[in-house]
């Protein structure tokens, strides 16, 4: 079975592919980079759930395929939940992960270690060409470190400190999938994916 992940981020496609292999699900994951003519909709939702739904439903109806979309980000308590839905463009449109991290660290430079709590949040929407959809949400708690550490992952992983003292970017892909916000959300949507393999024409 083919499943389109509504993203052009190869890291996310790789993570989901690894999860499918580990779960022994016969699902081939493609990203939107495999559909160069597709034009993604504007993500103007106020929540992660809304943005995930916008991406998944639009792609499913346009491409005529089953689509899974996520909207995820970092919510920092000391910043009132920011960067939140603006996590990918926290430093402004066109900026990369490094710029986003630098801005985050600058915003938190005067915040003591005891008040740097944060959590990663991931909303996942599984959508069908007929407009049906299903949304779940997972999260992962931690705090923001003062310096980067680790070479794995992407986004804010190098400064996201887990309760066990490791940085998210120090985990292997398998370890991250077990505890991450995205991993938690995928576990919630896995029963639906298993059902789809048994009955590909199924809708919700």
C-alpha atoms as a PDB file:
ATOM      1  CA  UNK A   1       0.000   0.000   0.000  1.00  0.00           C
ATOM      2  CA  UNK A   2       1.143   3.533  -0.741  1.00  0.00           C
ATOM      3  CA  UNK A   3       0.817   6.310   1.803  1.00  0.00           C
ATOM      4  CA  UNK A   4       1.692   9.914   1.035  1.00  0.00           C
ATOM      5  CA  UNK A   5       3.142  11.935   3.880  1.00  0.00           C
ATOM      6  CA  UNK A   6       2.259  15.566   3.198  1.00  0.00           C
ATOM      7  CA  UNK A   7       5.705  17.031   3.697  1.00  0.00           C
ATOM      8  CA  UNK A   8       8.817  17.904   1.725  1.00  0.00           C
ATOM      9  CA  UNK A   9      10.973  17.172   4.792  1.00  0.00           C
ATOM     10  CA  UNK A  10      13.004  14.012   4.040  1.00  0.00           C
ATOM     11  CA  UNK A  11      13.674  13.534   7.762  1.00  0.00           C
ATOM     12  CA  UNK A  12       9.976  13.051   8.463  1.00  0.00           C
ATOM     13  CA  UNK A  13       9.573  10.663   5.520  1.00  0.00           C
ATOM     14  CA  UNK A  14      12.539   8.657   6.785  1.00  0.00           C
ATOM     15  CA  UNK A  15      11.132   8.503  10.327  1.00  0.00           C
ATOM     16  CA  UNK A  16       7.748   7.239   9.147  1.00  0.00           C
ATOM     17  CA  UNK A  17       9.344   4.687   6.815  1.00  0.00           C
ATOM     18  CA  UNK A  18      11.363   3.341   9.753  1.00  0.00           C
ATOM     19  CA  UNK A  19       8.205   3.075  11.853  1.00  0.00           C
ATOM     20  CA  UNK A  20       6.400   1.162   9.119  1.00  0.00           C
ATOM     21  CA  UNK A  21       9.290  -1.295   8.828  1.00  0.00           C
ATOM     22  CA  UNK A  22       9.452  -1.799  12.580  1.00  0.00           C
ATOM     23  CA  UNK A  23       5.683  -2.350  12.748  1.00  0.00           C
ATOM     24  CA  UNK A  24       6.009  -4.801   9.829  1.00  0.00           C
ATOM     25  CA  UNK A  25       3.419  -2.887   7.826  1.00  0.00           C
ATOM     26  CA  UNK A  26       3.610  -3.246   4.040  1.00  0.00           C
ATOM     27  CA  UNK A  27       3.338   0.487   3.433  1.00  0.00           C
ATOM     28  CA  UNK A  28       5.495   2.480   1.035  1.00  0.00           C
ATOM     29  CA  UNK A  29       5.838   6.074   2.200  1.00  0.00           C
ATOM     30  CA  UNK A  30       6.204   8.890  -0.301  1.00  0.00           C
ATOM     31  CA  UNK A  31       6.628  12.596   0.373  1.00  0.00           C
ATOM     32  CA  UNK A  32       5.405  15.615  -1.550  1.00  0.00           C
ATOM     33  CA  UNK A  33       8.852  15.888  -3.118  1.00  0.00           C
ATOM     34  CA  UNK A  34       7.646  12.957  -5.250  1.00  0.00           C
ATOM     35  CA  UNK A  35       4.820  15.179  -6.569  1.00  0.00           C
ATOM     36  CA  UNK A  36       6.612  18.304  -7.835  1.00  0.00           C
ATOM     37  CA  UNK A  37       3.499  19.732  -9.495  1.00  0.00           C
ATOM     38  CA  UNK A  38       1.490  19.703  -6.276  1.00  0.00           C
ATOM     39  CA  UNK A  39       0.970  23.087  -4.659  1.00  0.00           C
ATOM     40  CA  UNK A  40       0.552  22.881  -0.903  1.00  0.00           C
ATOM     41  CA  UNK A  41      -2.184  24.984   0.738  1.00  0.00           C
ATOM     42  CA  UNK A  42      -1.485  27.852   3.090  1.00  0.00           C
ATOM     43  CA  UNK A  43      -1.153  26.650   6.669  1.00  0.00           C
ATOM     44  CA  UNK A  44      -3.217  29.296   8.389  1.00  0.00           C
ATOM     45  CA  UNK A  45      -4.775  27.239  11.180  1.00  0.00           C
ATOM     46  CA  UNK A  46      -4.617  28.473  14.769  1.00  0.00           C
ATOM     47  CA  UNK A  47      -3.718  25.023  16.141  1.00  0.00           C
ATOM     48  CA  UNK A  48      -1.584  22.030  15.200  1.00  0.00           C
ATOM     49  CA  UNK A  49      -4.770  20.002  14.638  1.00  0.00           C
ATOM     50  CA  UNK A  50      -6.158  22.529  12.179  1.00  0.00           C
ATOM     51  CA  UNK A  51      -2.952  22.767  10.149  1.00  0.00           C
ATOM     52  CA  UNK A  52      -2.590  18.975   9.965  1.00  0.00           C
ATOM     53  CA  UNK A  53      -6.167  18.703   8.691  1.00  0.00           C
ATOM     54  CA  UNK A  54      -5.664  21.436   6.075  1.00  0.00           C
ATOM     55  CA  UNK A  55      -2.576  19.705   4.693  1.00  0.00           C
ATOM     56  CA  UNK A  56      -3.950  16.168   4.722  1.00  0.00           C
ATOM     57  CA  UNK A  57      -7.444  16.815   3.352  1.00  0.00           C
ATOM     58  CA  UNK A  58      -6.219  19.095   0.551  1.00  0.00           C
ATOM     59  CA  UNK A  59      -3.530  16.655  -0.590  1.00  0.00           C
ATOM     60  CA  UNK A  60      -5.844  13.628  -0.410  1.00  0.00           C
ATOM     61  CA  UNK A  61      -8.533  15.309  -2.510  1.00  0.00           C
ATOM     62  CA  UNK A  62      -6.032  16.751  -5.011  1.00  0.00           C
ATOM     63  CA  UNK A  63      -3.843  13.662  -5.467  1.00  0.00           C
ATOM     64  CA  UNK A  64      -6.587  11.068  -5.053  1.00  0.00           C
ATOM     65  CA  UNK A  65      -4.538   9.110  -2.527  1.00  0.00           C
ATOM     66  CA  UNK A  66      -4.567   8.307   1.195  1.00  0.00           C
ATOM     67  CA  UNK A  67      -2.531  11.033   2.868  1.00  0.00           C
ATOM     68  CA  UNK A  68      -1.053  11.445   6.321  1.00  0.00           C
ATOM     69  CA  UNK A  69      -0.084  14.960   7.395  1.00  0.00           C
ATOM     70  CA  UNK A  70       1.453  16.210  10.580  1.00  0.00           C
ATOM     71  CA  UNK A  71       1.786  19.608  12.066  1.00  0.00           C
ATOM     72  CA  UNK A  72       4.250  19.684  14.875  1.00  0.00           C
ATOM     73  CA  UNK A  73       6.223  22.168  16.835  1.00  0.00           C
ATOM     74  CA  UNK A  74       7.766  23.284  20.055  1.00  0.00           C
ATOM     75  CA  UNK A  75       5.803  24.908  22.866  1.00  0.00           C
ATOM     76  CA  UNK A  76       7.896  26.660  25.512  1.00  0.00           C
ATOM     77  CA  UNK A  77       6.212  27.561  28.803  1.00  0.00           C
ATOM     78  CA  UNK A  78       8.329  30.667  29.430  1.00  0.00           C
ATOM     79  CA  UNK A  79       7.341  32.012  26.004  1.00  0.00           C
ATOM     80  CA  UNK A  80       3.623  31.511  26.527  1.00  0.00           C
ATOM     81  CA  UNK A  81       3.585  28.427  24.295  1.00  0.00           C
ATOM     82  CA  UNK A  82       5.636  29.968  21.492  1.00  0.00           C
ATOM     83  CA  UNK A  83       6.909  29.243  18.942  1.00  0.00           C
ATOM     84  CA  UNK A  84       3.957  26.836  18.637  1.00  0.00           C
ATOM     85  CA  UNK A  85       2.442  26.640  15.150  1.00  0.00           C
ATOM     86  CA  UNK A  86       5.151  29.068  13.978  1.00  0.00           C
ATOM     87  CA  UNK A  87       7.981  26.708  15.003  1.00  0.00           C
ATOM     88  CA  UNK A  88       9.235  26.071  11.461  1.00  0.00           C
ATOM     89  CA  UNK A  89       9.413  29.787  10.695  1.00  0.00           C
ATOM     90  CA  UNK A  90      10.171  31.198  14.137  1.00  0.00           C
ATOM     91  CA  UNK A  91      13.099  33.219  12.777  1.00  0.00           C
ATOM     92  CA  UNK A  92      11.080  34.334   9.747  1.00  0.00           C
ATOM     93  CA  UNK A  93      10.154  32.896   6.371  1.00  0.00           C
ATOM     94  CA  UNK A  94      13.083  31.443   4.492  1.00  0.00           C
ATOM     95  CA  UNK A  95      15.183  30.817   7.594  1.00  0.00           C
ATOM     96  CA  UNK A  96      16.512  27.388   8.528  1.00  0.00           C
ATOM     97  CA  UNK A  97      16.700  25.260  11.671  1.00  0.00           C
ATOM     98  CA  UNK A  98      19.914  26.926  12.834  1.00  0.00           C
ATOM     99  CA  UNK A  99      18.332  30.372  12.704  1.00  0.00           C
ATOM    100  CA  UNK A 100      15.259  29.167  14.584  1.00  0.00           C
ATOM    101  CA  UNK A 101      17.417  27.663  17.327  1.00  0.00           C
ATOM    102  CA  UNK A 102      19.494  30.821  17.640  1.00  0.00           C
ATOM    103  CA  UNK A 103      16.371  32.929  18.060  1.00  0.00           C
ATOM    104  CA  UNK A 104      14.973  30.521  20.638  1.00  0.00           C
ATOM    105  CA  UNK A 105      18.157  30.571  22.703  1.00  0.00           C
ATOM    106  CA  UNK A 106      18.268  34.348  22.527  1.00  0.00           C
ATOM    107  CA  UNK A 107      14.677  34.603  23.744  1.00  0.00           C
ATOM    108  CA  UNK A 108      15.487  32.342  26.684  1.00  0.00           C
ATOM    109  CA  UNK A 109      18.916  33.683  27.603  1.00  0.00           C
ATOM    110  CA  UNK A 110      17.686  35.258  30.851  1.00  0.00           C
ATOM    111  CA  UNK A 111      15.329  32.418  31.808  1.00  0.00           C
ATOM    112  CA  UNK A 112      16.698  30.208  34.628  1.00  0.00           C
ATOM    113  CA  UNK A 113      17.123  26.482  34.078  1.00  0.00           C
ATOM    114  CA  UNK A 114      14.233  25.730  36.442  1.00  0.00           C
ATOM    115  CA  UNK A 115      11.785  27.580  34.173  1.00  0.00           C
ATOM    116  CA  UNK A 116      12.812  26.353  30.721  1.00  0.00           C
ATOM    117  CA  UNK A 117      10.157  23.627  30.471  1.00  0.00           C
ATOM    118  CA  UNK A 118       8.903  22.818  26.983  1.00  0.00           C
ATOM    119  CA  UNK A 119       7.150  20.132  25.016  1.00  0.00           C
ATOM    120  CA  UNK A 120       7.078  18.966  21.465  1.00  0.00           C
ATOM    121  CA  UNK A 121       3.550  18.512  20.086  1.00  0.00           C
ATOM    122  CA  UNK A 122       2.497  16.583  16.986  1.00  0.00           C
ATOM    123  CA  UNK A 123      -0.973  16.448  15.446  1.00  0.00           C
ATOM    124  CA  UNK A 124      -1.496  13.804  12.763  1.00  0.00           C
ATOM    125  CA  UNK A 125      -4.349  13.751  10.275  1.00  0.00           C
ATOM    126  CA  UNK A 126      -5.090  10.715   8.106  1.00  0.00           C
ATOM    127  CA  UNK A 127      -7.242  11.780   5.150  1.00  0.00           C
ATOM    128  CA  UNK A 128      -8.988  10.026   2.285  1.00  0.00           C
ATOM    129  CA  UNK A 129      -9.837  11.257  -1.231  1.00  0.00           C
ATOM    130  CA  UNK A 130     -13.547  11.403  -0.354  1.00  0.00           C
ATOM    131  CA  UNK A 131     -12.935  14.004   2.359  1.00  0.00           C
ATOM    132  CA  UNK A 132     -13.039  11.709   5.410  1.00  0.00           C
ATOM    133  CA  UNK A 133     -10.305  12.333   7.966  1.00  0.00           C
ATOM    134  CA  UNK A 134      -9.078  11.276  11.410  1.00  0.00           C
ATOM    135  CA  UNK A 135      -6.942  13.422  13.768  1.00  0.00           C
ATOM    136  CA  UNK A 136      -4.790  12.422  16.761  1.00  0.00           C
ATOM    137  CA  UNK A 137      -2.234  14.282  18.883  1.00  0.00           C
ATOM    138  CA  UNK A 138       0.890  13.241  20.799  1.00  0.00           C
ATOM    139  CA  UNK A 139       3.476  15.124  22.843  1.00  0.00           C
ATOM    140  CA  UNK A 140       6.871  14.780  24.525  1.00  0.00           C
ATOM    141  CA  UNK A 141       7.934  16.788  27.586  1.00  0.00           C
ATOM    142  CA  UNK A 142      11.379  18.188  28.280  1.00  0.00           C
ATOM    143  CA  UNK A 143      13.191  21.504  28.592  1.00  0.00           C
ATOM    144  CA  UNK A 144      15.386  23.809  26.535  1.00  0.00           C
ATOM    145  CA  UNK A 145      19.134  23.532  27.039  1.00  0.00           C
ATOM    146  CA  UNK A 146      21.500  26.500  26.813  1.00  0.00           C
ATOM    147  CA  UNK A 147      23.743  24.909  24.189  1.00  0.00           C
ATOM    148  CA  UNK A 148      23.327  22.487  21.324  1.00  0.00           C
ATOM    149  CA  UNK A 149      24.352  18.861  21.613  1.00  0.00           C
ATOM    150  CA  UNK A 150      23.949  15.853  19.348  1.00  0.00           C
ATOM    151  CA  UNK A 151      24.085  15.296  15.607  1.00  0.00           C
ATOM    152  CA  UNK A 152      20.880  13.380  14.935  1.00  0.00           C
ATOM    153  CA  UNK A 153      17.332  14.518  14.254  1.00  0.00           C
ATOM    154  CA  UNK A 154      16.323  17.916  12.921  1.00  0.00           C
ATOM    155  CA  UNK A 155      14.529  21.095  13.941  1.00  0.00           C
ATOM    156  CA  UNK A 156      14.933  21.927  17.631  1.00  0.00           C
ATOM    157  CA  UNK A 157      16.239  18.458  18.553  1.00  0.00           C
ATOM    158  CA  UNK A 158      19.793  19.717  19.391  1.00  0.00           C
ATOM    159  CA  UNK A 159      18.495  21.916  22.236  1.00  0.00           C
ATOM    160  CA  UNK A 160      15.581  19.791  23.504  1.00  0.00           C
ATOM    161  CA  UNK A 161      16.700  18.206  26.770  1.00  0.00           C
ATOM    162  CA  UNK A 162      14.875  15.067  27.845  1.00  0.00           C
ATOM    163  CA  UNK A 163      14.182  14.175  31.498  1.00  0.00           C
ATOM    164  CA  UNK A 164      16.914  11.493  31.392  1.00  0.00           C
ATOM    165  CA  UNK A 165      19.580  14.110  30.583  1.00  0.00           C
ATOM    166  CA  UNK A 166      19.992  13.288  26.903  1.00  0.00           C
ATOM    167  CA  UNK A 167      19.292  15.692  24.093  1.00  0.00           C
ATOM    168  CA  UNK A 168      16.698  14.622  21.522  1.00  0.00           C
ATOM    169  CA  UNK A 169      19.446  14.943  18.891  1.00  0.00           C
ATOM    170  CA  UNK A 170      21.507  12.316  20.729  1.00  0.00           C
ATOM    171  CA  UNK A 171      18.942   9.572  20.201  1.00  0.00           C
ATOM    172  CA  UNK A 172      19.033   7.046  17.405  1.00  0.00           C
ATOM    173  CA  UNK A 173      16.117   7.038  15.011  1.00  0.00           C
ATOM    174  CA  UNK A 174      14.651   3.978  16.733  1.00  0.00           C
ATOM    175  CA  UNK A 175      15.005   5.516  20.207  1.00  0.00           C
ATOM    176  CA  UNK A 176      13.405   8.756  19.071  1.00  0.00           C
ATOM    177  CA  UNK A 177      10.459   6.959  17.518  1.00  0.00           C
ATOM    178  CA  UNK A 178       9.725   5.291  20.848  1.00  0.00           C
ATOM    179  CA  UNK A 179       9.473   8.477  22.919  1.00  0.00           C
ATOM    180  CA  UNK A 180       8.935  11.418  20.598  1.00  0.00           C
ATOM    181  CA  UNK A 181       5.775  13.430  20.100  1.00  0.00           C
ATOM    182  CA  UNK A 182       5.585  12.169  16.534  1.00  0.00           C
ATOM    183  CA  UNK A 183       6.122   8.593  17.666  1.00  0.00           C
ATOM    184  CA  UNK A 184       3.312   8.937  20.216  1.00  0.00           C
ATOM    185  CA  UNK A 185       0.936  10.312  17.578  1.00  0.00           C
ATOM    186  CA  UNK A 186       1.865   7.579  15.099  1.00  0.00           C
ATOM    187  CA  UNK A 187       1.034   4.897  17.666  1.00  0.00           C
ATOM    188  CA  UNK A 188      -2.462   6.373  17.935  1.00  0.00           C
ATOM    189  CA  UNK A 189      -3.003   6.273  14.160  1.00  0.00           C
ATOM    190  CA  UNK A 190      -1.395   2.839  13.656  1.00  0.00           C
ATOM    191  CA  UNK A 191      -4.638   0.827  14.104  1.00  0.00           C
ATOM    192  CA  UNK A 192      -6.197   2.736  11.216  1.00  0.00           C
ATOM    193  CA  UNK A 193      -3.168   2.042   9.009  1.00  0.00           C
ATOM    194  CA  UNK A 194      -3.350  -1.667   9.838  1.00  0.00           C
ATOM    195  CA  UNK A 195      -7.024  -1.678   8.882  1.00  0.00           C
ATOM    196  CA  UNK A 196      -6.230   0.038   5.579  1.00  0.00           C
ATOM    197  CA  UNK A 197      -3.805  -2.703   4.574  1.00  0.00           C
ATOM    198  CA  UNK A 198      -6.531  -5.305   5.098  1.00  0.00           C
ATOM    199  CA  UNK A 199      -9.161  -3.236   3.276  1.00  0.00           C
ATOM    200  CA  UNK A 200      -7.473  -0.579   1.062  1.00  0.00           C
ATOM    201  CA  UNK A 201     -10.776   0.940  -0.053  1.00  0.00           C
ATOM    202  CA  UNK A 202     -11.887   1.525   3.526  1.00  0.00           C
ATOM    203  CA  UNK A 203     -12.809   5.008   4.655  1.00  0.00           C
ATOM    204  CA  UNK A 204     -13.578   6.203   8.140  1.00  0.00           C
END
